[in-house]
C-alpha atoms as a PDB file:
ATOM      1  CA  MET A   1      78.329  55.014  52.822  1.00  0.00           C
ATOM      2  CA  LYS A   2      77.593  58.517  51.568  1.00  0.00           C
ATOM      3  CA  LYS A   3      77.802  61.362  54.027  1.00  0.00           C
ATOM      4  CA  ASN A   4      75.077  63.926  53.905  1.00  0.00           C
ATOM      5  CA  PHE A   5      75.657  67.665  54.036  1.00  0.00           C
ATOM      6  CA  ILE A   6      75.137  67.962  57.786  1.00  0.00           C
ATOM      7  CA  ASP A   7      77.786  65.321  58.531  1.00  0.00           C
ATOM      8  CA  VAL A   8      80.278  67.012  56.212  1.00  0.00           C
ATOM      9  CA  LYS A   9      79.548  70.381  57.799  1.00  0.00           C
ATOM     10  CA  ASP A  10      79.962  68.956  61.306  1.00  0.00           C
ATOM     11  CA  ASP A  11      83.276  67.345  60.334  1.00  0.00           C
ATOM     12  CA  PHE A  12      84.495  70.636  58.897  1.00  0.00           C
ATOM     13  CA  VAL A  13      83.492  72.600  62.009  1.00  0.00           C
ATOM     14  CA  SER A  14      85.139  70.072  64.316  1.00  0.00           C
ATOM     15  CA  THR A  15      88.357  70.277  62.274  1.00  0.00           C
ATOM     16  CA  LEU A  16      88.298  74.060  62.579  1.00  0.00           C
ATOM     17  CA  ASN A  17      87.758  73.805  66.328  1.00  0.00           C
ATOM     18  CA  ARG A  18      90.739  71.471  66.683  1.00  0.00           C
ATOM     19  CA  GLN A  19      92.998  73.817  64.732  1.00  0.00           C
ATOM     20  CA  LYS A  20      91.899  77.187  66.122  1.00  0.00           C
ATOM     21  CA  LYS A  21      95.285  78.870  65.790  1.00  0.00           C
ATOM     22  CA  LEU A  22      95.686  77.899  62.131  1.00  0.00           C
ATOM     23  CA  THR A  23      92.102  78.925  61.389  1.00  0.00           C
ATOM     24  CA  ALA A  24      92.637  82.329  63.016  1.00  0.00           C
ATOM     25  CA  ILE A  25      95.839  82.888  61.028  1.00  0.00           C
ATOM     26  CA  VAL A  26      94.169  81.950  57.728  1.00  0.00           C
ATOM     27  CA  ILE A  27      91.134  84.161  58.390  1.00  0.00           C
ATOM     28  CA  GLY A  28      93.389  87.049  59.422  1.00  0.00           C
ATOM     29  CA  ALA A  29      95.503  86.667  56.291  1.00  0.00           C
ATOM     30  CA  VAL A  30      92.418  86.656  54.070  1.00  0.00           C
ATOM     31  CA  VAL A  31      91.062  89.800  55.751  1.00  0.00           C
ATOM     32  CA  VAL A  32      94.406  91.606  55.375  1.00  0.00           C
ATOM     33  CA  LEU A  33      94.612  90.564  51.708  1.00  0.00           C
ATOM     34  CA  VAL A  34      91.097  91.796  50.910  1.00  0.00           C
ATOM     35  CA  VAL A  35      91.587  95.115  52.715  1.00  0.00           C
ATOM     36  CA  SER A  36      94.937  95.712  51.035  1.00  0.00           C
ATOM     37  CA  LEU A  37      93.420  95.019  47.617  1.00  0.00           C
ATOM     38  CA  PHE A  38      90.685  97.588  48.268  1.00  0.00           C
ATOM     39  CA  ILE A  39      93.359 100.139  49.148  1.00  0.00           C
ATOM     40  CA  ILE A  40      96.063  99.341  46.585  1.00  0.00           C
ATOM     41  CA  VAL A  41      94.074  98.583  43.411  1.00  0.00           C
ATOM     42  CA  PRO A  42      92.415 102.030  43.014  1.00  0.00           C
ATOM     43  CA  LYS A  43      95.756 103.791  43.499  1.00  0.00           C
ATOM     44  CA  VAL A  44      97.468 101.554  40.957  1.00  0.00           C
ATOM     45  CA  GLN A  45      94.654 102.063  38.444  1.00  0.00           C
ATOM     46  CA  ALA A  46      94.903 105.846  38.814  1.00  0.00           C
ATOM     47  CA  ASN A  47      98.656 105.747  38.218  1.00  0.00           C
ATOM     48  CA  ILE A  48      98.229 103.515  35.165  1.00  0.00           C
ATOM     49  CA  ARG A  49      95.539 105.790  33.740  1.00  0.00           C
ATOM     50  CA  SER A  50      97.728 108.843  34.260  1.00  0.00           C
ATOM     51  CA  SER A  51     100.679 107.211  32.494  1.00  0.00           C
ATOM     52  CA  GLU A  52      98.393 106.122  29.641  1.00  0.00           C
ATOM     53  CA  ILE A  53      97.262 109.685  29.071  1.00  0.00           C
ATOM     54  CA  LYS A  54     100.800 111.045  29.210  1.00  0.00           C
ATOM     55  CA  SER A  55     102.021 108.499  26.658  1.00  0.00           C
ATOM     56  CA  LEU A  56      99.109 109.089  24.273  1.00  0.00           C
ATOM     57  CA  VAL A  57      99.270 112.856  24.139  1.00  0.00           C
ATOM     58  CA  SER A  58     102.372 114.566  22.840  1.00  0.00           C
ATOM     59  CA  GLN A  59     103.096 117.478  25.153  1.00  0.00           C
ATOM     60  CA  GLU A  60     104.767 119.528  22.395  1.00  0.00           C
ATOM     61  CA  LYS A  61     101.794 119.312  20.025  1.00  0.00           C
ATOM     62  CA  LEU A  62      99.259 119.793  22.783  1.00  0.00           C
ATOM     63  CA  ALA A  63     100.863 122.989  24.091  1.00  0.00           C
ATOM     64  CA  LYS A  64     100.136 124.793  20.804  1.00  0.00           C
ATOM     65  CA  LYS A  65      96.393 124.150  20.775  1.00  0.00           C
ATOM     66  CA  ALA A  66      95.310 123.184  24.276  1.00  0.00           C
ATOM     67  CA  SER A  67      96.510 122.527  27.774  1.00  0.00           C
ATOM     68  CA  TYR A  68      97.123 119.164  29.367  1.00  0.00           C
ATOM     69  CA  LEU A  69      94.725 118.286  32.178  1.00  0.00           C
ATOM     70  CA  ASP A  70      96.239 116.026  34.789  1.00  0.00           C
ATOM     71  CA  PHE A  71      93.905 113.146  35.625  1.00  0.00           C
ATOM     72  CA  LYS A  72      94.424 113.512  39.375  1.00  0.00           C
ATOM     73  CA  THR A  73      93.356 117.162  39.469  1.00  0.00           C
ATOM     74  CA  ALA A  74      90.721 117.015  36.720  1.00  0.00           C
ATOM     75  CA  ASP A  75      87.670 117.074  39.004  1.00  0.00           C
ATOM     76  CA  GLN A  76      88.835 120.182  40.831  1.00  0.00           C
ATOM     77  CA  PHE A  77      89.855 121.956  37.608  1.00  0.00           C
ATOM     78  CA  ILE A  78      86.513 121.258  35.904  1.00  0.00           C
ATOM     79  CA  SER A  79      84.475 122.382  38.909  1.00  0.00           C
ATOM     80  CA  GLU A  80      86.384 125.697  39.085  1.00  0.00           C
ATOM     81  CA  LYS A  81      85.845 126.611  35.409  1.00  0.00           C
ATOM     82  CA  THR A  82      82.583 127.800  33.874  1.00  0.00           C
ATOM     83  CA  ALA A  83      83.215 126.069  30.545  1.00  0.00           C
ATOM     84  CA  VAL A  84      85.680 123.315  29.753  1.00  0.00           C
ATOM     85  CA  THR A  85      86.065 121.060  26.745  1.00  0.00           C
ATOM     86  CA  VAL A  86      87.614 117.719  27.595  1.00  0.00           C
ATOM     87  CA  LEU A  87      88.891 115.284  24.972  1.00  0.00           C
ATOM     88  CA  PHE A  88      89.073 111.591  25.763  1.00  0.00           C
ATOM     89  CA  SER A  89      91.034 108.983  23.859  1.00  0.00           C
ATOM     90  CA  ILE A  90      91.137 105.214  23.699  1.00  0.00           C
ATOM     91  CA  PRO A  91      94.410 103.814  25.052  1.00  0.00           C
ATOM     92  CA  GLY A  92      96.604 102.661  22.216  1.00  0.00           C
ATOM     93  CA  GLY A  93     100.182 103.705  21.825  1.00  0.00           C
ATOM     94  CA  ASP A  94     103.706 102.388  22.070  1.00  0.00           C
ATOM     95  CA  ILE A  95     103.060 100.880  25.487  1.00  0.00           C
ATOM     96  CA  TYR A  96      99.610  99.410  24.765  1.00  0.00           C
ATOM     97  CA  ASP A  97      99.999  97.662  21.413  1.00  0.00           C
END
């Protein structure tokens, strides 16, 4: 005989109630995982972006015509200057091919 949604839901809830310790551990682990991803992923992306820029732009050639703007301090640098020209590039170099 087919079980309807309410019976399945009730069975699931009763199973969770019987295994409260396991349920609490699983929920806690999921919360810790989600929070850590929200903290770690932006930092990793910023480091990757910074290394991309450093590998794309040759420091020797850039020093003759312009100055290198570090990605981490770019917002502060731009807000302090009255006029700034910023060049962006698409990632594609030795590391990204």
